[in-house]
Amino acid sequence: MIKVILSDGDNPFHQIEDSLKIISEIDKTFDKRRKIELDLSEVKWALPCSVILISGKLMEIHNKGAEISYLPPPEL
């Protein structure tokens, strides 16, 4: 399971860096198996650019046949 943790500080570039690390982890996991599990349980908020980056990668691997599941973020 890939733990999705995004920085929530003042610098938006930290969250973008986190997103790129998550994308790299998704790629590594997809290379080993076709099932991706994301743990979003600690995501409090996400920048639109972070969402676009991660969702773009998920759509890419989904189109290649990946099975994607997730643990949802907390309800606020």
PDB file of N, CA and C in Angstrom:
ATOM      1  N   MET A   1       0.840  -1.172   0.000  1.00  0.00           N
ATOM      2  CA  MET A   1       0.000   0.000   0.000  1.00  0.00           C
ATOM      3  C   MET A   1       0.889   1.240   0.000  1.00  0.00           C
ATOM      4  N   ILE A   2       0.543   2.196  -0.834  1.00  0.00           N
ATOM      5  CA  ILE A   2       1.307   3.430  -0.937  1.00  0.00           C
ATOM      6  C   ILE A   2       0.667   4.470  -0.029  1.00  0.00           C
ATOM      7  N   LYS A   3       1.421   4.917   0.939  1.00  0.00           N
ATOM      8  CA  LYS A   3       0.946   5.928   1.882  1.00  0.00           C
ATOM      9  C   LYS A   3       1.087   7.299   1.226  1.00  0.00           C
ATOM     10  N   VAL A   4      -0.016   8.016   1.080  1.00  0.00           N
ATOM     11  CA  VAL A   4      -0.010   9.346   0.478  1.00  0.00           C
ATOM     12  C   VAL A   4       0.035  10.378   1.600  1.00  0.00           C
ATOM     13  N   ILE A   5       1.182  11.019   1.727  1.00  0.00           N
ATOM     14  CA  ILE A   5       1.354  12.074   2.724  1.00  0.00           C
ATOM     15  C   ILE A   5       1.812  13.319   1.970  1.00  0.00           C
ATOM     16  N   LEU A   6       1.015  14.381   2.083  1.00  0.00           N
ATOM     17  CA  LEU A   6       1.319  15.636   1.410  1.00  0.00           C
ATOM     18  C   LEU A   6       1.581  16.721   2.445  1.00  0.00           C
ATOM     19  N   SER A   7       2.658  17.467   2.254  1.00  0.00           N
ATOM     20  CA  SER A   7       3.004  18.560   3.157  1.00  0.00           C
ATOM     21  C   SER A   7       1.864  19.571   3.205  1.00  0.00           C
ATOM     22  N   ASP A   8       1.633  20.108   4.379  1.00  0.00           N
ATOM     23  CA  ASP A   8       0.582  21.118   4.502  1.00  0.00           C
ATOM     24  C   ASP A   8       1.128  22.432   5.057  1.00  0.00           C
ATOM     25  N   GLY A   9       2.403  22.696   4.791  1.00  0.00           N
ATOM     26  CA  GLY A   9       3.042  23.919   5.260  1.00  0.00           C
ATOM     27  C   GLY A   9       2.806  25.090   4.310  1.00  0.00           C
ATOM     28  N   ASP A  10       3.558  26.136   4.530  1.00  0.00           N
ATOM     29  CA  ASP A  10       3.410  27.361   3.754  1.00  0.00           C
ATOM     30  C   ASP A  10       4.011  27.284   2.357  1.00  0.00           C
ATOM     31  N   ASN A  11       4.928  26.379   2.133  1.00  0.00           N
ATOM     32  CA  ASN A  11       5.613  26.311   0.849  1.00  0.00           C
ATOM     33  C   ASN A  11       4.943  25.275  -0.055  1.00  0.00           C
ATOM     34  N   PRO A  12       4.233  25.712  -1.102  1.00  0.00           N
ATOM     35  CA  PRO A  12       3.535  24.754  -1.968  1.00  0.00           C
ATOM     36  C   PRO A  12       4.476  23.819  -2.720  1.00  0.00           C
ATOM     37  N   PHE A  13       5.731  24.226  -2.899  1.00  0.00           N
ATOM     38  CA  PHE A  13       6.674  23.362  -3.614  1.00  0.00           C
ATOM     39  C   PHE A  13       6.952  22.077  -2.847  1.00  0.00           C
ATOM     40  N   HIS A  14       6.823  22.103  -1.537  1.00  0.00           N
ATOM     41  CA  HIS A  14       7.017  20.877  -0.755  1.00  0.00           C
ATOM     42  C   HIS A  14       5.956  19.840  -1.118  1.00  0.00           C
ATOM     43  N   GLN A  15       4.709  20.291  -1.283  1.00  0.00           N
ATOM     44  CA  GLN A  15       3.655  19.352  -1.644  1.00  0.00           C
ATOM     45  C   GLN A  15       3.853  18.827  -3.064  1.00  0.00           C
ATOM     46  N   ILE A  16       4.345  19.654  -3.953  1.00  0.00           N
ATOM     47  CA  ILE A  16       4.629  19.200  -5.312  1.00  0.00           C
ATOM     48  C   ILE A  16       5.745  18.150  -5.288  1.00  0.00           C
ATOM     49  N   GLU A  17       6.783  18.394  -4.491  1.00  0.00           N
ATOM     50  CA  GLU A  17       7.856  17.397  -4.335  1.00  0.00           C
ATOM     51  C   GLU A  17       7.306  16.097  -3.782  1.00  0.00           C
ATOM     52  N   ASP A  18       6.419  16.187  -2.783  1.00  0.00           N
ATOM     53  CA  ASP A  18       5.788  14.987  -2.225  1.00  0.00           C
ATOM     54  C   ASP A  18       5.016  14.239  -3.310  1.00  0.00           C
ATOM     55  N   SER A  19       4.295  14.984  -4.139  1.00  0.00           N
ATOM     56  CA  SER A  19       3.507  14.374  -5.217  1.00  0.00           C
ATOM     57  C   SER A  19       4.405  13.633  -6.198  1.00  0.00           C
ATOM     58  N   LEU A  20       5.537  14.226  -6.526  1.00  0.00           N
ATOM     59  CA  LEU A  20       6.468  13.570  -7.455  1.00  0.00           C
ATOM     60  C   LEU A  20       7.057  12.298  -6.848  1.00  0.00           C
ATOM     61  N   LYS A  21       7.297  12.297  -5.534  1.00  0.00           N
ATOM     62  CA  LYS A  21       7.777  11.080  -4.860  1.00  0.00           C
ATOM     63  C   LYS A  21       6.707   9.994  -4.904  1.00  0.00           C
ATOM     64  N   ILE A  22       5.453  10.383  -4.701  1.00  0.00           N
ATOM     65  CA  ILE A  22       4.345   9.424  -4.740  1.00  0.00           C
ATOM     66  C   ILE A  22       4.215   8.838  -6.149  1.00  0.00           C
ATOM     67  N   ILE A  23       4.347   9.683  -7.159  1.00  0.00           N
ATOM     68  CA  ILE A  23       4.288   9.212  -8.550  1.00  0.00           C
ATOM     69  C   ILE A  23       5.395   8.205  -8.820  1.00  0.00           C
ATOM     70  N   SER A  24       6.582   8.477  -8.319  1.00  0.00           N
ATOM     71  CA  SER A  24       7.697   7.537  -8.480  1.00  0.00           C
ATOM     72  C   SER A  24       7.381   6.210  -7.800  1.00  0.00           C
ATOM     73  N   GLU A  25       6.791   6.272  -6.624  1.00  0.00           N
ATOM     74  CA  GLU A  25       6.422   5.050  -5.902  1.00  0.00           C
ATOM     75  C   GLU A  25       5.332   4.282  -6.651  1.00  0.00           C
ATOM     76  N   ILE A  26       4.395   5.000  -7.252  1.00  0.00           N
ATOM     77  CA  ILE A  26       3.352   4.354  -8.056  1.00  0.00           C
ATOM     78  C   ILE A  26       4.004   3.623  -9.229  1.00  0.00           C
ATOM     79  N   ASP A  27       4.932   4.279  -9.909  1.00  0.00           N
ATOM     80  CA  ASP A  27       5.631   3.643 -11.035  1.00  0.00           C
ATOM     81  C   ASP A  27       6.358   2.376 -10.605  1.00  0.00           C
ATOM     82  N   LYS A  28       7.089   2.447  -9.492  1.00  0.00           N
ATOM     83  CA  LYS A  28       7.827   1.277  -9.002  1.00  0.00           C
ATOM     84  C   LYS A  28       6.880   0.135  -8.661  1.00  0.00           C
ATOM     85  N   THR A  29       5.765   0.453  -8.016  1.00  0.00           N
ATOM     86  CA  THR A  29       4.794  -0.575  -7.642  1.00  0.00           C
ATOM     87  C   THR A  29       4.154  -1.183  -8.884  1.00  0.00           C
ATOM     88  N   PHE A  30       3.814  -0.341  -9.858  1.00  0.00           N
ATOM     89  CA  PHE A  30       3.185  -0.826 -11.080  1.00  0.00           C
ATOM     90  C   PHE A  30       4.125  -1.728 -11.871  1.00  0.00           C
ATOM     91  N   ASP A  31       5.408  -1.452 -11.824  1.00  0.00           N
ATOM     92  CA  ASP A  31       6.383  -2.308 -12.507  1.00  0.00           C
ATOM     93  C   ASP A  31       6.412  -3.714 -11.918  1.00  0.00           C
ATOM     94  N   LYS A  32       6.116  -3.837 -10.614  1.00  0.00           N
ATOM     95  CA  LYS A  32       6.157  -5.137  -9.938  1.00  0.00           C
ATOM     96  C   LYS A  32       4.833  -5.880 -10.038  1.00  0.00           C
ATOM     97  N   ARG A  33       3.745  -5.150  -9.951  1.00  0.00           N
ATOM     98  CA  ARG A  33       2.418  -5.786 -10.005  1.00  0.00           C
ATOM     99  C   ARG A  33       1.399  -4.796 -10.559  1.00  0.00           C
ATOM    100  N   ARG A  34       0.269  -5.294 -10.956  1.00  0.00           N
ATOM    101  CA  ARG A  34      -0.747  -4.467 -11.619  1.00  0.00           C
ATOM    102  C   ARG A  34      -1.804  -3.928 -10.652  1.00  0.00           C
ATOM    103  N   LYS A  35      -1.594  -4.098  -9.356  1.00  0.00           N
ATOM    104  CA  LYS A  35      -2.564  -3.607  -8.381  1.00  0.00           C
ATOM    105  C   LYS A  35      -1.923  -2.491  -7.562  1.00  0.00           C
ATOM    106  N   ILE A  36      -2.586  -1.337  -7.537  1.00  0.00           N
ATOM    107  CA  ILE A  36      -2.101  -0.183  -6.793  1.00  0.00           C
ATOM    108  C   ILE A  36      -3.099   0.112  -5.691  1.00  0.00           C
ATOM    109  N   GLU A  37      -2.612   0.198  -4.462  1.00  0.00           N
ATOM    110  CA  GLU A  37      -3.448   0.552  -3.322  1.00  0.00           C
ATOM    111  C   GLU A  37      -2.898   1.834  -2.707  1.00  0.00           C
ATOM    112  N   LEU A  38      -3.751   2.854  -2.620  1.00  0.00           N
ATOM    113  CA  LEU A  38      -3.347   4.138  -2.060  1.00  0.00           C
ATOM    114  C   LEU A  38      -4.009   4.345  -0.701  1.00  0.00           C
ATOM    115  N   ASP A  39      -3.224   4.785   0.250  1.00  0.00           N
ATOM    116  CA  ASP A  39      -3.745   5.125   1.571  1.00  0.00           C
ATOM    117  C   ASP A  39      -3.820   6.645   1.654  1.00  0.00           C
ATOM    118  N   LEU A  40      -5.034   7.184   1.535  1.00  0.00           N
ATOM    119  CA  LEU A  40      -5.258   8.625   1.581  1.00  0.00           C
ATOM    120  C   LEU A  40      -5.745   9.082   2.959  1.00  0.00           C
ATOM    121  N   SER A  41      -5.668   8.211   3.947  1.00  0.00           N
ATOM    122  CA  SER A  41      -6.276   8.468   5.252  1.00  0.00           C
ATOM    123  C   SER A  41      -5.668   9.650   6.008  1.00  0.00           C
ATOM    124  N   GLU A  42      -4.475  10.093   5.614  1.00  0.00           N
ATOM    125  CA  GLU A  42      -3.867  11.224   6.314  1.00  0.00           C
ATOM    126  C   GLU A  42      -3.832  12.503   5.481  1.00  0.00           C
ATOM    127  N   VAL A  43      -4.486  12.493   4.337  1.00  0.00           N
ATOM    128  CA  VAL A  43      -4.511  13.687   3.480  1.00  0.00           C
ATOM    129  C   VAL A  43      -5.551  14.655   4.027  1.00  0.00           C
ATOM    130  N   LYS A  44      -5.070  15.822   4.460  1.00  0.00           N
ATOM    131  CA  LYS A  44      -5.965  16.848   5.003  1.00  0.00           C
ATOM    132  C   LYS A  44      -6.420  17.804   3.911  1.00  0.00           C
ATOM    133  N   TRP A  45      -5.519  18.126   2.985  1.00  0.00           N
ATOM    134  CA  TRP A  45      -5.836  18.977   1.844  1.00  0.00           C
ATOM    135  C   TRP A  45      -4.773  18.761   0.781  1.00  0.00           C
ATOM    136  N   ALA A  46      -5.128  19.133  -0.433  1.00  0.00           N
ATOM    137  CA  ALA A  46      -4.177  18.963  -1.533  1.00  0.00           C
ATOM    138  C   ALA A  46      -4.309  20.131  -2.501  1.00  0.00           C
ATOM    139  N   LEU A  47      -3.173  20.597  -2.965  1.00  0.00           N
ATOM    140  CA  LEU A  47      -3.159  21.637  -3.987  1.00  0.00           C
ATOM    141  C   LEU A  47      -3.692  21.066  -5.294  1.00  0.00           C
ATOM    142  N   PRO A  48      -4.387  21.879  -6.086  1.00  0.00           N
ATOM    143  CA  PRO A  48      -4.876  21.370  -7.374  1.00  0.00           C
ATOM    144  C   PRO A  48      -3.763  20.788  -8.243  1.00  0.00           C
ATOM    145  N   CYS A  49      -2.596  21.411  -8.227  1.00  0.00           N
ATOM    146  CA  CYS A  49      -1.507  20.873  -9.066  1.00  0.00           C
ATOM    147  C   CYS A  49      -1.057  19.500  -8.565  1.00  0.00           C
ATOM    148  N   SER A  50      -1.093  19.266  -7.266  1.00  0.00           N
ATOM    149  CA  SER A  50      -0.742  17.947  -6.727  1.00  0.00           C
ATOM    150  C   SER A  50      -1.762  16.906  -7.157  1.00  0.00           C
ATOM    151  N   VAL A  51      -3.030  17.278  -7.096  1.00  0.00           N
ATOM    152  CA  VAL A  51      -4.101  16.367  -7.507  1.00  0.00           C
ATOM    153  C   VAL A  51      -3.973  16.030  -8.987  1.00  0.00           C
ATOM    154  N   ILE A  52      -3.675  17.030  -9.797  1.00  0.00           N
ATOM    155  CA  ILE A  52      -3.523  16.804 -11.240  1.00  0.00           C
ATOM    156  C   ILE A  52      -2.354  15.864 -11.523  1.00  0.00           C
ATOM    157  N   LEU A  53      -1.222  16.094 -10.857  1.00  0.00           N
ATOM    158  CA  LEU A  53      -0.055  15.231 -11.065  1.00  0.00           C
ATOM    159  C   LEU A  53      -0.367  13.775 -10.724  1.00  0.00           C
ATOM    160  N   ILE A  54      -0.913  13.551  -9.531  1.00  0.00           N
ATOM    161  CA  ILE A  54      -1.172  12.178  -9.068  1.00  0.00           C
ATOM    162  C   ILE A  54      -2.288  11.527  -9.889  1.00  0.00           C
ATOM    163  N   SER A  55      -3.370  12.267 -10.149  1.00  0.00           N
ATOM    164  CA  SER A  55      -4.475  11.670 -10.906  1.00  0.00           C
ATOM    165  C   SER A  55      -4.060  11.377 -12.347  1.00  0.00           C
ATOM    166  N   GLY A  56      -3.187  12.211 -12.913  1.00  0.00           N
ATOM    167  CA  GLY A  56      -2.683  11.939 -14.262  1.00  0.00           C
ATOM    168  C   GLY A  56      -1.923  10.627 -14.320  1.00  0.00           C
ATOM    169  N   LYS A  57      -1.089  10.377 -13.320  1.00  0.00           N
ATOM    170  CA  LYS A  57      -0.342   9.110 -13.259  1.00  0.00           C
ATOM    171  C   LYS A  57      -1.305   7.938 -13.079  1.00  0.00           C
ATOM    172  N   LEU A  58      -2.313   8.113 -12.218  1.00  0.00           N
ATOM    173  CA  LEU A  58      -3.275   7.030 -11.992  1.00  0.00           C
ATOM    174  C   LEU A  58      -4.058   6.713 -13.271  1.00  0.00           C
ATOM    175  N   MET A  59      -4.438   7.752 -14.024  1.00  0.00           N
ATOM    176  CA  MET A  59      -5.141   7.504 -15.286  1.00  0.00           C
ATOM    177  C   MET A  59      -4.238   6.777 -16.282  1.00  0.00           C
ATOM    178  N   GLU A  60      -2.962   7.150 -16.301  1.00  0.00           N
ATOM    179  CA  GLU A  60      -2.006   6.501 -17.202  1.00  0.00           C
ATOM    180  C   GLU A  60      -1.905   5.004 -16.924  1.00  0.00           C
ATOM    181  N   ILE A  61      -1.732   4.648 -15.657  1.00  0.00           N
ATOM    182  CA  ILE A  61      -1.581   3.220 -15.354  1.00  0.00           C
ATOM    183  C   ILE A  61      -2.917   2.488 -15.409  1.00  0.00           C
ATOM    184  N   HIS A  62      -4.011   3.193 -15.144  1.00  0.00           N
ATOM    185  CA  HIS A  62      -5.334   2.581 -15.293  1.00  0.00           C
ATOM    186  C   HIS A  62      -5.539   2.179 -16.761  1.00  0.00           C
ATOM    187  N   ASN A  63      -5.147   3.062 -17.667  1.00  0.00           N
ATOM    188  CA  ASN A  63      -5.273   2.767 -19.097  1.00  0.00           C
ATOM    189  C   ASN A  63      -4.373   1.616 -19.534  1.00  0.00           C
ATOM    190  N   LYS A  64      -3.363   1.310 -18.732  1.00  0.00           N
ATOM    191  CA  LYS A  64      -2.479   0.173 -19.018  1.00  0.00           C
ATOM    192  C   LYS A  64      -2.935  -1.096 -18.312  1.00  0.00           C
ATOM    193  N   GLY A  65      -4.093  -1.039 -17.639  1.00  0.00           N
ATOM    194  CA  GLY A  65      -4.667  -2.231 -17.029  1.00  0.00           C
ATOM    195  C   GLY A  65      -4.492  -2.364 -15.530  1.00  0.00           C
ATOM    196  N   ALA A  66      -4.056  -1.314 -14.859  1.00  0.00           N
ATOM    197  CA  ALA A  66      -3.870  -1.399 -13.411  1.00  0.00           C
ATOM    198  C   ALA A  66      -5.209  -1.411 -12.686  1.00  0.00           C
ATOM    199  N   GLU A  67      -5.245  -2.162 -11.611  1.00  0.00           N
ATOM    200  CA  GLU A  67      -6.387  -2.161 -10.703  1.00  0.00           C
ATOM    201  C   GLU A  67      -6.024  -1.200  -9.567  1.00  0.00           C
ATOM    202  N   ILE A  68      -6.837  -0.169  -9.353  1.00  0.00           N
ATOM    203  CA  ILE A  68      -6.518   0.862  -8.373  1.00  0.00           C
ATOM    204  C   ILE A  68      -7.591   0.880  -7.283  1.00  0.00           C
ATOM    205  N   SER A  69      -7.131   0.819  -6.042  1.00  0.00           N
ATOM    206  CA  SER A  69      -8.045   0.937  -4.906  1.00  0.00           C
ATOM    207  C   SER A  69      -7.443   1.940  -3.921  1.00  0.00           C
ATOM    208  N   TYR A  70      -8.269   2.422  -3.005  1.00  0.00           N
ATOM    209  CA  TYR A  70      -7.764   3.413  -2.058  1.00  0.00           C
ATOM    210  C   TYR A  70      -8.526   3.373  -0.741  1.00  0.00           C
ATOM    211  N   LEU A  71      -7.831   3.803   0.283  1.00  0.00           N
ATOM    212  CA  LEU A  71      -8.418   4.055   1.594  1.00  0.00           C
ATOM    213  C   LEU A  71      -8.708   5.550   1.608  1.00  0.00           C
ATOM    214  N   PRO A  72      -9.976   5.958   1.784  1.00  0.00           N
ATOM    215  CA  PRO A  72     -10.324   7.367   1.602  1.00  0.00           C
ATOM    216  C   PRO A  72      -9.747   8.279   2.685  1.00  0.00           C
ATOM    217  N   PRO A  73      -9.669   9.585   2.354  1.00  0.00           N
ATOM    218  CA  PRO A  73      -9.213  10.551   3.342  1.00  0.00           C
ATOM    219  C   PRO A  73     -10.290  10.745   4.415  1.00  0.00           C
ATOM    220  N   PRO A  74      -9.931  11.330   5.556  1.00  0.00           N
ATOM    221  CA  PRO A  74     -10.927  11.533   6.602  1.00  0.00           C
ATOM    222  C   PRO A  74     -11.960  12.560   6.154  1.00  0.00           C
ATOM    223  N   GLU A  75     -13.159  12.391   6.655  1.00  0.00           N
ATOM    224  CA  GLU A  75     -14.198  13.391   6.368  1.00  0.00           C
ATOM    225  C   GLU A  75     -13.997  14.562   7.306  1.00  0.00           C
ATOM    226  N   LEU A  76     -14.118  15.746   6.757  1.00  0.00           N
ATOM    227  CA  LEU A  76     -13.935  16.943   7.562  1.00  0.00           C
ATOM    228  C   LEU A  76     -15.258  17.565   7.911  1.00  0.00           C
TER     229      LEU A  76
END
